[in-house]
PDB file of N, CA and C in Angstrom:
ATOM      1  N   MET A   1     114.632-127.546 146.654  1.00  0.00           N
ATOM      2  CA  MET A   1     114.396-126.264 147.283  1.00  0.00           C
ATOM      3  C   MET A   1     112.893-126.127 147.603  1.00  0.00           C
ATOM      4  N   PRO A   2     112.551-125.762 148.826  1.00  0.00           N
ATOM      5  CA  PRO A   2     111.141-125.636 149.205  1.00  0.00           C
ATOM      6  C   PRO A   2     110.459-124.497 148.433  1.00  0.00           C
ATOM      7  N   ARG A   3     109.172-124.701 148.170  1.00  0.00           N
ATOM      8  CA  ARG A   3     108.392-123.692 147.460  1.00  0.00           C
ATOM      9  C   ARG A   3     107.109-123.402 148.227  1.00  0.00           C
ATOM     10  N   HIS A   4     106.491-122.277 147.898  1.00  0.00           N
ATOM     11  CA  HIS A   4     105.211-121.921 148.515  1.00  0.00           C
ATOM     12  C   HIS A   4     104.107-122.819 147.969  1.00  0.00           C
ATOM     13  N   PRO A   5     103.128-123.165 148.801  1.00  0.00           N
ATOM     14  CA  PRO A   5     101.961-123.917 148.307  1.00  0.00           C
ATOM     15  C   PRO A   5     100.967-122.952 147.652  1.00  0.00           C
ATOM     16  N   SER A   6     101.307-122.473 146.475  1.00  0.00           N
ATOM     17  CA  SER A   6     100.516-121.422 145.823  1.00  0.00           C
ATOM     18  C   SER A   6      99.086-121.873 145.505  1.00  0.00           C
ATOM     19  N   GLN A   7      98.885-123.161 145.284  1.00  0.00           N
ATOM     20  CA  GLN A   7      97.537-123.647 145.010  1.00  0.00           C
ATOM     21  C   GLN A   7      96.636-123.454 146.237  1.00  0.00           C
ATOM     22  N   ILE A   8      97.197-123.645 147.420  1.00  0.00           N
ATOM     23  CA  ILE A   8      96.428-123.437 148.647  1.00  0.00           C
ATOM     24  C   ILE A   8      96.120-121.957 148.822  1.00  0.00           C
ATOM     25  N   TYR A   9      97.110-121.097 148.539  1.00  0.00           N
ATOM     26  CA  TYR A   9      96.879-119.648 148.618  1.00  0.00           C
ATOM     27  C   TYR A   9      95.754-119.242 147.664  1.00  0.00           C
ATOM     28  N   GLU A  10      95.804-119.765 146.445  1.00  0.00           N
ATOM     29  CA  GLU A  10      94.776-119.426 145.459  1.00  0.00           C
ATOM     30  C   GLU A  10      93.405-119.915 145.915  1.00  0.00           C
ATOM     31  N   ALA A  11      93.341-121.126 146.431  1.00  0.00           N
ATOM     32  CA  ALA A  11      92.065-121.676 146.871  1.00  0.00           C
ATOM     33  C   ALA A  11      91.469-120.845 148.008  1.00  0.00           C
ATOM     34  N   LEU A  12      92.302-120.436 148.946  1.00  0.00           N
ATOM     35  CA  LEU A  12      91.806-119.643 150.067  1.00  0.00           C
ATOM     36  C   LEU A  12      91.420-118.232 149.644  1.00  0.00           C
ATOM     37  N   LEU A  13      92.290-117.569 148.886  1.00  0.00           N
ATOM     38  CA  LEU A  13      92.017-116.186 148.490  1.00  0.00           C
ATOM     39  C   LEU A  13      90.895-116.090 147.470  1.00  0.00           C
ATOM     40  N   GLU A  14      90.965-116.905 146.413  1.00  0.00           N
ATOM     41  CA  GLU A  14      89.987-116.806 145.332  1.00  0.00           C
ATOM     42  C   GLU A  14      88.714-117.596 145.629  1.00  0.00           C
ATOM     43  N   GLY A  15      88.695-118.287 146.736  1.00  0.00           N
ATOM     44  CA  GLY A  15      87.510-119.040 147.130  1.00  0.00           C
ATOM     45  C   GLY A  15      86.876-118.438 148.366  1.00  0.00           C
ATOM     46  N   LEU A  16      87.397-118.789 149.513  1.00  0.00           N
ATOM     47  CA  LEU A  16      86.803-118.404 150.791  1.00  0.00           C
ATOM     48  C   LEU A  16      86.852-116.886 151.021  1.00  0.00           C
ATOM     49  N   VAL A  17      88.012-116.280 150.894  1.00  0.00           N
ATOM     50  CA  VAL A  17      88.146-114.837 151.168  1.00  0.00           C
ATOM     51  C   VAL A  17      87.323-114.021 150.176  1.00  0.00           C
ATOM     52  N   LEU A  18      87.368-114.387 148.909  1.00  0.00           N
ATOM     53  CA  LEU A  18      86.594-113.672 147.895  1.00  0.00           C
ATOM     54  C   LEU A  18      85.093-113.793 148.172  1.00  0.00           C
ATOM     55  N   PHE A  19      84.638-114.969 148.584  1.00  0.00           N
ATOM     56  CA  PHE A  19      83.229-115.156 148.930  1.00  0.00           C
ATOM     57  C   PHE A  19      82.824-114.251 150.089  1.00  0.00           C
ATOM     58  N   ILE A  20      83.657-114.186 151.122  1.00  0.00           N
ATOM     59  CA  ILE A  20      83.350-113.355 152.292  1.00  0.00           C
ATOM     60  C   ILE A  20      83.277-111.877 151.904  1.00  0.00           C
ATOM     61  N   ILE A  21      84.211-111.414 151.077  1.00  0.00           N
ATOM     62  CA  ILE A  21      84.216-110.014 150.640  1.00  0.00           C
ATOM     63  C   ILE A  21      82.978-109.705 149.803  1.00  0.00           C
ATOM     64  N   LEU A  22      82.645-110.586 148.866  1.00  0.00           N
ATOM     65  CA  LEU A  22      81.476-110.355 148.017  1.00  0.00           C
ATOM     66  C   LEU A  22      80.183-110.395 148.827  1.00  0.00           C
ATOM     67  N   ARG A  23      80.114-111.261 149.806  1.00  0.00           N
ATOM     68  CA  ARG A  23      78.933-111.322 150.677  1.00  0.00           C
ATOM     69  C   ARG A  23      78.786-110.020 151.452  1.00  0.00           C
ATOM     70  N   TRP A  24      79.902-109.474 151.928  1.00  0.00           N
ATOM     71  CA  TRP A  24      79.886-108.208 152.664  1.00  0.00           C
ATOM     72  C   TRP A  24      79.423-107.060 151.761  1.00  0.00           C
ATOM     73  N   ILE A  25      79.939-107.023 150.519  1.00  0.00           N
ATOM     74  CA  ILE A  25      79.520-105.991 149.562  1.00  0.00           C
ATOM     75  C   ILE A  25      78.027-106.120 149.278  1.00  0.00           C
ATOM     76  N   PHE A  26      77.540-107.351 149.123  1.00  0.00           N
ATOM     77  CA  PHE A  26      76.118-107.587 148.853  1.00  0.00           C
ATOM     78  C   PHE A  26      75.248-107.077 150.006  1.00  0.00           C
ATOM     79  N   LYS A  27      75.668-107.351 151.241  1.00  0.00           N
ATOM     80  CA  LYS A  27      74.888-106.942 152.413  1.00  0.00           C
ATOM     81  C   LYS A  27      74.861-105.426 152.581  1.00  0.00           C
ATOM     82  N   LYS A  28      75.871-104.727 152.078  1.00  0.00           N
ATOM     83  CA  LYS A  28      75.928-103.267 152.187  1.00  0.00           C
ATOM     84  C   LYS A  28      74.908-102.586 151.284  1.00  0.00           C
ATOM     85  N   ASN A  29      74.347-103.305 150.315  1.00  0.00           N
ATOM     86  CA  ASN A  29      73.309-102.794 149.427  1.00  0.00           C
ATOM     87  C   ASN A  29      73.778-101.567 148.631  1.00  0.00           C
ATOM     88  N   TYR A  30      74.909-101.687 147.988  1.00  0.00           N
ATOM     89  CA  TYR A  30      75.394-100.613 147.124  1.00  0.00           C
ATOM     90  C   TYR A  30      74.643-100.628 145.799  1.00  0.00           C
ATOM     91  N   GLN A  31      75.021 -99.751 144.899  1.00  0.00           N
ATOM     92  CA  GLN A  31      74.399 -99.659 143.580  1.00  0.00           C
ATOM     93  C   GLN A  31      74.492-101.002 142.854  1.00  0.00           C
ATOM     94  N   PRO A  32      73.560-101.270 141.932  1.00  0.00           N
ATOM     95  CA  PRO A  32      73.646-102.494 141.136  1.00  0.00           C
ATOM     96  C   PRO A  32      74.991-102.562 140.400  1.00  0.00           C
ATOM     97  N   GLY A  33      75.572-103.722 140.400  1.00  0.00           N
ATOM     98  CA  GLY A  33      76.858-103.919 139.750  1.00  0.00           C
ATOM     99  C   GLY A  33      78.028-103.943 140.705  1.00  0.00           C
ATOM    100  N   ALA A  34      77.818-103.531 141.947  1.00  0.00           N
ATOM    101  CA  ALA A  34      78.923-103.468 142.912  1.00  0.00           C
ATOM    102  C   ALA A  34      79.497-104.860 143.189  1.00  0.00           C
ATOM    103  N   VAL A  35      78.645-105.861 143.285  1.00  0.00           N
ATOM    104  CA  VAL A  35      79.132-107.216 143.562  1.00  0.00           C
ATOM    105  C   VAL A  35      79.945-107.735 142.373  1.00  0.00           C
ATOM    106  N   ALA A  36      79.465-107.488 141.162  1.00  0.00           N
ATOM    107  CA  ALA A  36      80.185-107.952 139.963  1.00  0.00           C
ATOM    108  C   ALA A  36      81.544-107.253 139.845  1.00  0.00           C
ATOM    109  N   TRP A  37      81.565-105.943 140.057  1.00  0.00           N
ATOM    110  CA  TRP A  37      82.842-105.231 139.985  1.00  0.00           C
ATOM    111  C   TRP A  37      83.756-105.609 141.147  1.00  0.00           C
ATOM    112  N   GLY A  38      83.173-105.933 142.302  1.00  0.00           N
ATOM    113  CA  GLY A  38      83.974-106.421 143.425  1.00  0.00           C
ATOM    114  C   GLY A  38      84.636-107.745 143.093  1.00  0.00           C
ATOM    115  N   LEU A  39      83.882-108.624 142.423  1.00  0.00           N
ATOM    116  CA  LEU A  39      84.446-109.903 141.990  1.00  0.00           C
ATOM    117  C   LEU A  39      85.628-109.679 141.060  1.00  0.00           C
ATOM    118  N   ILE A  40      85.455-108.820 140.070  1.00  0.00           N
ATOM    119  CA  ILE A  40      86.524-108.558 139.105  1.00  0.00           C
ATOM    120  C   ILE A  40      87.731-107.929 139.800  1.00  0.00           C
ATOM    121  N   ALA A  41      87.492-106.948 140.659  1.00  0.00           N
ATOM    122  CA  ALA A  41      88.586-106.231 141.324  1.00  0.00           C
ATOM    123  C   ALA A  41      89.380-107.143 142.255  1.00  0.00           C
ATOM    124  N   PHE A  42      88.686-107.836 143.131  1.00  0.00           N
ATOM    125  CA  PHE A  42      89.399-108.650 144.117  1.00  0.00           C
ATOM    126  C   PHE A  42      89.998-109.907 143.501  1.00  0.00           C
ATOM    127  N   TYR A  43      89.347-110.463 142.481  1.00  0.00           N
ATOM    128  CA  TYR A  43      89.952-111.596 141.785  1.00  0.00           C
ATOM    129  C   TYR A  43      91.266-111.160 141.132  1.00  0.00           C
ATOM    130  N   GLY A  44      91.261-109.995 140.483  1.00  0.00           N
ATOM    131  CA  GLY A  44      92.490-109.462 139.880  1.00  0.00           C
ATOM    132  C   GLY A  44      93.566-109.208 140.927  1.00  0.00           C
ATOM    133  N   LEU A  45      93.169-108.662 142.071  1.00  0.00           N
ATOM    134  CA  LEU A  45      94.128-108.395 143.144  1.00  0.00           C
ATOM    135  C   LEU A  45      94.744-109.689 143.669  1.00  0.00           C
ATOM    136  N   PHE A  46      93.892-110.674 143.950  1.00  0.00           N
ATOM    137  CA  PHE A  46      94.396-111.936 144.499  1.00  0.00           C
ATOM    138  C   PHE A  46      95.275-112.671 143.493  1.00  0.00           C
ATOM    139  N   ARG A  47      94.895-112.652 142.208  1.00  0.00           N
ATOM    140  CA  ARG A  47      95.744-113.280 141.181  1.00  0.00           C
ATOM    141  C   ARG A  47      97.098-112.578 141.115  1.00  0.00           C
ATOM    142  N   PHE A  48      97.087-111.262 141.168  1.00  0.00           N
ATOM    143  CA  PHE A  48      98.324-110.484 141.114  1.00  0.00           C
ATOM    144  C   PHE A  48      99.230-110.839 142.294  1.00  0.00           C
ATOM    145  N   LEU A  49      98.661-110.923 143.490  1.00  0.00           N
ATOM    146  CA  LEU A  49      99.456-111.214 144.683  1.00  0.00           C
ATOM    147  C   LEU A  49     100.000-112.642 144.693  1.00  0.00           C
ATOM    148  N   VAL A  50      99.189-113.606 144.285  1.00  0.00           N
ATOM    149  CA  VAL A  50      99.626-115.007 144.306  1.00  0.00           C
ATOM    150  C   VAL A  50     100.746-115.230 143.296  1.00  0.00           C
ATOM    151  N   GLU A  51     100.748-114.462 142.213  1.00  0.00           N
ATOM    152  CA  GLU A  51     101.806-114.621 141.202  1.00  0.00           C
ATOM    153  C   GLU A  51     103.190-114.324 141.764  1.00  0.00           C
ATOM    154  N   PHE A  52     103.286-113.567 142.857  1.00  0.00           N
ATOM    155  CA  PHE A  52     104.588-113.292 143.463  1.00  0.00           C
ATOM    156  C   PHE A  52     105.220-114.554 144.037  1.00  0.00           C
ATOM    157  N   VAL A  53     104.402-115.500 144.520  1.00  0.00           N
ATOM    158  CA  VAL A  53     104.954-116.706 145.137  1.00  0.00           C
ATOM    159  C   VAL A  53     104.940-117.912 144.204  1.00  0.00           C
ATOM    160  N   ARG A  54     104.257-117.796 143.063  1.00  0.00           N
ATOM    161  CA  ARG A  54     104.250-118.895 142.096  1.00  0.00           C
ATOM    162  C   ARG A  54     105.563-118.928 141.327  1.00  0.00           C
ATOM    163  N   GLU A  55     105.938-120.111 140.927  1.00  0.00           N
ATOM    164  CA  GLU A  55     107.106-120.244 140.072  1.00  0.00           C
ATOM    165  C   GLU A  55     106.667-119.930 138.644  1.00  0.00           C
ATOM    166  N   PRO A  56     107.330-118.958 137.979  1.00  0.00           N
ATOM    167  CA  PRO A  56     106.886-118.584 136.626  1.00  0.00           C
ATOM    168  C   PRO A  56     107.069-119.735 135.645  1.00  0.00           C
ATOM    169  N   ASP A  57     106.262-119.729 134.589  1.00  0.00           N
ATOM    170  CA  ASP A  57     106.367-120.755 133.554  1.00  0.00           C
ATOM    171  C   ASP A  57     107.758-120.716 132.936  1.00  0.00           C
ATOM    172  N   ALA A  58     108.325-121.891 132.719  1.00  0.00           N
ATOM    173  CA  ALA A  58     109.696-121.977 132.201  1.00  0.00           C
ATOM    174  C   ALA A  58     109.831-121.350 130.824  1.00  0.00           C
ATOM    175  N   GLN A  59     108.830-121.510 129.972  1.00  0.00           N
ATOM    176  CA  GLN A  59     108.930-120.992 128.610  1.00  0.00           C
ATOM    177  C   GLN A  59     108.653-119.490 128.536  1.00  0.00           C
ATOM    178  N   ILE A  60     108.069-118.900 129.590  1.00  0.00           N
ATOM    179  CA  ILE A  60     107.744-117.466 129.567  1.00  0.00           C
ATOM    180  C   ILE A  60     108.669-116.679 130.476  1.00  0.00           C
ATOM    181  N   GLY A  61     108.806-117.092 131.723  1.00  0.00           N
ATOM    182  CA  GLY A  61     109.653-116.373 132.663  1.00  0.00           C
ATOM    183  C   GLY A  61     109.020-115.053 133.082  1.00  0.00           C
ATOM    184  N   PHE A  62     109.870-114.057 133.286  1.00  0.00           N
ATOM    185  CA  PHE A  62     109.412-112.730 133.685  1.00  0.00           C
ATOM    186  C   PHE A  62     109.338-111.848 132.452  1.00  0.00           C
ATOM    187  N   ASP A  63     108.212-111.139 132.285  1.00  0.00           N
ATOM    188  CA  ASP A  63     108.024-110.303 131.102  1.00  0.00           C
ATOM    189  C   ASP A  63     108.576-108.897 131.281  1.00  0.00           C
ATOM    190  N   LEU A  64     108.250-108.275 132.396  1.00  0.00           N
ATOM    191  CA  LEU A  64     108.612-106.881 132.605  1.00  0.00           C
ATOM    192  C   LEU A  64     109.212-106.738 133.992  1.00  0.00           C
ATOM    193  N   GLY A  65     110.535-106.816 134.086  1.00  0.00           N
ATOM    194  CA  GLY A  65     111.204-106.724 135.385  1.00  0.00           C
ATOM    195  C   GLY A  65     110.801-107.881 136.282  1.00  0.00           C
ATOM    196  N   PRO A  66     110.321-107.559 137.495  1.00  0.00           N
ATOM    197  CA  PRO A  66     109.935-108.635 138.423  1.00  0.00           C
ATOM    198  C   PRO A  66     108.526-109.166 138.199  1.00  0.00           C
ATOM    199  N   PHE A  67     107.840-108.696 137.161  1.00  0.00           N
ATOM    200  CA  PHE A  67     106.445-109.076 136.946  1.00  0.00           C
ATOM    201  C   PHE A  67     106.324-110.192 135.916  1.00  0.00           C
ATOM    202  N   THR A  68     105.453-111.146 136.233  1.00  0.00           N
ATOM    203  CA  THR A  68     105.192-112.250 135.320  1.00  0.00           C
ATOM    204  C   THR A  68     104.063-111.860 134.366  1.00  0.00           C
ATOM    205  N   ARG A  69     103.837-112.671 133.352  1.00  0.00           N
ATOM    206  CA  ARG A  69     102.761-112.402 132.408  1.00  0.00           C
ATOM    207  C   ARG A  69     101.401-112.478 133.110  1.00  0.00           C
ATOM    208  N   GLY A  70     101.269-113.372 134.069  1.00  0.00           N
ATOM    209  CA  GLY A  70     100.024-113.469 134.817  1.00  0.00           C
ATOM    210  C   GLY A  70      99.709-112.178 135.568  1.00  0.00           C
ATOM    211  N   GLN A  71     100.740-111.541 136.123  1.00  0.00           N
ATOM    212  CA  GLN A  71     100.525-110.281 136.820  1.00  0.00           C
ATOM    213  C   GLN A  71     100.155-109.175 135.844  1.00  0.00           C
ATOM    214  N   LEU A  72     100.798-109.139 134.706  1.00  0.00           N
ATOM    215  CA  LEU A  72     100.484-108.117 133.710  1.00  0.00           C
ATOM    216  C   LEU A  72      99.070-108.290 133.164  1.00  0.00           C
ATOM    217  N   LEU A  73      98.627-109.530 133.015  1.00  0.00           N
ATOM    218  CA  LEU A  73      97.267-109.778 132.542  1.00  0.00           C
ATOM    219  C   LEU A  73      96.226-109.511 133.625  1.00  0.00           C
ATOM    220  N   SER A  74      96.628-109.547 134.888  1.00  0.00           N
ATOM    221  CA  SER A  74      95.706-109.269 135.986  1.00  0.00           C
ATOM    222  C   SER A  74      95.548-107.775 136.258  1.00  0.00           C
ATOM    223  N   LEU A  75      96.495-106.969 135.801  1.00  0.00           N
ATOM    224  CA  LEU A  75      96.438-105.533 136.060  1.00  0.00           C
ATOM    225  C   LEU A  75      95.163-104.862 135.537  1.00  0.00           C
ATOM    226  N   PRO A  76      94.722-105.125 134.305  1.00  0.00           N
ATOM    227  CA  PRO A  76      93.473-104.491 133.855  1.00  0.00           C
ATOM    228  C   PRO A  76      92.272-104.867 134.730  1.00  0.00           C
ATOM    229  N   LEU A  77      92.193-106.126 135.152  1.00  0.00           N
ATOM    230  CA  LEU A  77      91.113-106.537 136.052  1.00  0.00           C
ATOM    231  C   LEU A  77      91.163-105.728 137.343  1.00  0.00           C
ATOM    232  N   LEU A  78      92.338-105.619 137.892  1.00  0.00           N
ATOM    233  CA  LEU A  78      92.541-104.937 139.154  1.00  0.00           C
ATOM    234  C   LEU A  78      92.191-103.450 139.035  1.00  0.00           C
ATOM    235  N   ILE A  79      92.718-102.768 138.031  1.00  0.00           N
ATOM    236  CA  ILE A  79      92.534-101.324 137.890  1.00  0.00           C
ATOM    237  C   ILE A  79      91.085-100.970 137.549  1.00  0.00           C
ATOM    238  N   VAL A  80      90.551-101.579 136.499  1.00  0.00           N
ATOM    239  CA  VAL A  80      89.181-101.261 136.077  1.00  0.00           C
ATOM    240  C   VAL A  80      88.181-101.716 137.136  1.00  0.00           C
ATOM    241  N   GLY A  81      88.412-102.875 137.716  1.00  0.00           N
ATOM    242  CA  GLY A  81      87.497-103.387 138.729  1.00  0.00           C
ATOM    243  C   GLY A  81      87.390-102.475 139.936  1.00  0.00           C
ATOM    244  N   PHE A  82      88.525-102.021 140.474  1.00  0.00           N
ATOM    245  CA  PHE A  82      88.482-101.142 141.640  1.00  0.00           C
ATOM    246  C   PHE A  82      87.930 -99.765 141.284  1.00  0.00           C
ATOM    247  N   TRP A  83      88.218 -99.284 140.079  1.00  0.00           N
ATOM    248  CA  TRP A  83      87.681 -97.993 139.656  1.00  0.00           C
ATOM    249  C   TRP A  83      86.155 -98.039 139.599  1.00  0.00           C
ATOM    250  N   LYS A  84      85.603 -99.091 138.964  1.00  0.00           N
ATOM    251  CA  LYS A  84      84.150 -99.211 138.851  1.00  0.00           C
ATOM    252  C   LYS A  84      83.514 -99.534 140.212  1.00  0.00           C
ATOM    253  N   LEU A  85      84.170-100.346 141.034  1.00  0.00           N
ATOM    254  CA  LEU A  85      83.652-100.638 142.366  1.00  0.00           C
ATOM    255  C   LEU A  85      83.583 -99.361 143.196  1.00  0.00           C
ATOM    256  N   PHE A  86      84.626 -98.549 143.137  1.00  0.00           N
ATOM    257  CA  PHE A  86      84.647 -97.283 143.853  1.00  0.00           C
ATOM    258  C   PHE A  86      83.505 -96.387 143.374  1.00  0.00           C
ATOM    259  N   THR A  87      83.218 -96.398 142.072  1.00  0.00           N
ATOM    260  CA  THR A  87      82.119 -95.610 141.523  1.00  0.00           C
ATOM    261  C   THR A  87      80.782 -96.077 142.089  1.00  0.00           C
ATOM    262  N   CYS A  88      80.574 -97.384 142.154  1.00  0.00           N
ATOM    263  CA  CYS A  88      79.316 -97.921 142.698  1.00  0.00           C
ATOM    264  C   CYS A  88      79.169 -97.600 144.180  1.00  0.00           C
ATOM    265  N   VAL A  89      80.249 -97.712 144.933  1.00  0.00           N
ATOM    266  CA  VAL A  89      80.201 -97.461 146.374  1.00  0.00           C
ATOM    267  C   VAL A  89      79.970 -95.973 146.640  1.00  0.00           C
ATOM    268  N   ARG A  90      80.597 -95.119 145.863  1.00  0.00           N
ATOM    269  CA  ARG A  90      80.482 -93.676 146.058  1.00  0.00           C
ATOM    270  C   ARG A  90      79.050 -93.190 145.820  1.00  0.00           C
ATOM    271  N   ARG A  91      78.325 -93.840 144.945  1.00  0.00           N
ATOM    272  CA  ARG A  91      76.931 -93.456 144.669  1.00  0.00           C
ATOM    273  C   ARG A  91      75.999 -93.804 145.810  1.00  0.00           C
ATOM    274  N   GLY A  92      76.397 -94.721 146.673  1.00  0.00           N
ATOM    275  CA  GLY A  92      75.567 -95.080 147.818  1.00  0.00           C
ATOM    276  C   GLY A  92      74.508 -96.095 147.449  1.00  0.00           C
ATOM    277  N   PRO A  93      73.606 -96.359 148.390  1.00  0.00           N
ATOM    278  CA  PRO A  93      72.555 -97.343 148.120  1.00  0.00           C
ATOM    279  C   PRO A  93      71.557 -96.802 147.097  1.00  0.00           C
ATOM    280  N   PRO A  94      70.927 -97.693 146.341  1.00  0.00           N
ATOM    281  CA  PRO A  94      69.928 -97.239 145.367  1.00  0.00           C
ATOM    282  C   PRO A  94      68.711 -96.652 146.080  1.00  0.00           C
ATOM    283  N   LEU A  95      68.051 -95.716 145.420  1.00  0.00           N
ATOM    284  CA  LEU A  95      66.848 -95.116 145.986  1.00  0.00           C
ATOM    285  C   LEU A  95      65.706 -96.129 145.949  1.00  0.00           C
ATOM    286  N   PRO A  96      64.854 -96.116 146.982  1.00  0.00           N
ATOM    287  CA  PRO A  96      63.709 -97.044 146.951  1.00  0.00           C
ATOM    288  C   PRO A  96      62.732 -96.630 145.855  1.00  0.00           C
ATOM    289  N   LYS A  97      62.110 -97.612 145.252  1.00  0.00           N
ATOM    290  CA  LYS A  97      61.146 -97.339 144.191  1.00  0.00           C
ATOM    291  C   LYS A  97      59.839 -96.868 144.813  1.00  0.00           C
ATOM    292  N   LEU A  98      59.318 -95.807 144.264  1.00  0.00           N
ATOM    293  CA  LEU A  98      58.045 -95.279 144.748  1.00  0.00           C
ATOM    294  C   LEU A  98      56.909 -95.981 144.030  1.00  0.00           C
ATOM    295  N   GLN A  99      55.813 -96.217 144.744  1.00  0.00           N
ATOM    296  CA  GLN A  99      54.668 -96.861 144.128  1.00  0.00           C
ATOM    297  C   GLN A  99      53.926 -95.844 143.278  1.00  0.00           C
ATOM    298  N   SER A 100      53.361 -96.318 142.229  1.00  0.00           N
ATOM    299  CA  SER A 100      52.617 -95.466 141.322  1.00  0.00           C
ATOM    300  C   SER A 100      51.365 -94.935 141.999  1.00  0.00           C
ATOM    301  N   SER A 101      50.986 -93.694 141.683  1.00  0.00           N
ATOM    302  CA  SER A 101      49.809 -93.094 142.291  1.00  0.00           C
ATOM    303  C   SER A 101      48.526 -93.495 141.560  1.00  0.00           C
ATOM    304  N   LYS A 102      48.657 -94.237 140.455  1.00  0.00           N
ATOM    305  CA  LYS A 102      47.474 -94.691 139.729  1.00  0.00           C
ATOM    306  C   LYS A 102      46.734 -95.734 140.545  1.00  0.00           C
ATOM    307  N   SER A 103      45.427 -95.648 140.513  1.00  0.00           N
ATOM    308  CA  SER A 103      44.644 -96.636 141.251  1.00  0.00           C
ATOM    309  C   SER A 103      44.585 -97.926 140.435  1.00  0.00           C
ATOM    310  N   ARG A 104      44.593 -99.021 141.135  1.00  0.00           N
ATOM    311  CA  ARG A 104      44.546-100.321 140.490  1.00  0.00           C
ATOM    312  C   ARG A 104      43.138-100.878 140.596  1.00  0.00           C
ATOM    313  N   ALA A 105      42.745-101.583 139.591  1.00  0.00           N
ATOM    314  CA  ALA A 105      41.425-102.227 139.617  1.00  0.00           C
ATOM    315  C   ALA A 105      41.490-103.422 140.555  1.00  0.00           C
ATOM    316  N   HIS A 106      40.507-103.578 141.376  1.00  0.00           N
ATOM    317  CA  HIS A 106      40.509-104.677 142.342  1.00  0.00           C
ATOM    318  C   HIS A 106      39.716-105.821 141.854  1.00  0.00           C
TER     319      HIS A 106
END
């Protein structure tokens, strides 16, 4: 029976697509931590999605209805990551640092 090439999906999503998304977040200049939370959020999302086409482990199978253990373990990454990413994006870009008014010795 034919199966999905899940390794290729993982390589594309967790490699190339994730890099492009993180690069875009970096260029937007959001609050510090936005890139790290973007990595966690989108990695969790991509792992969750790829698990739908992967064949579940024979010794584990499905844990909760149609969800595999990999999907259940990816949920905290997905939820917390997007929540914190949304928080960083909502705050906007960081304020520029003002130079000190103290005179410097030359």
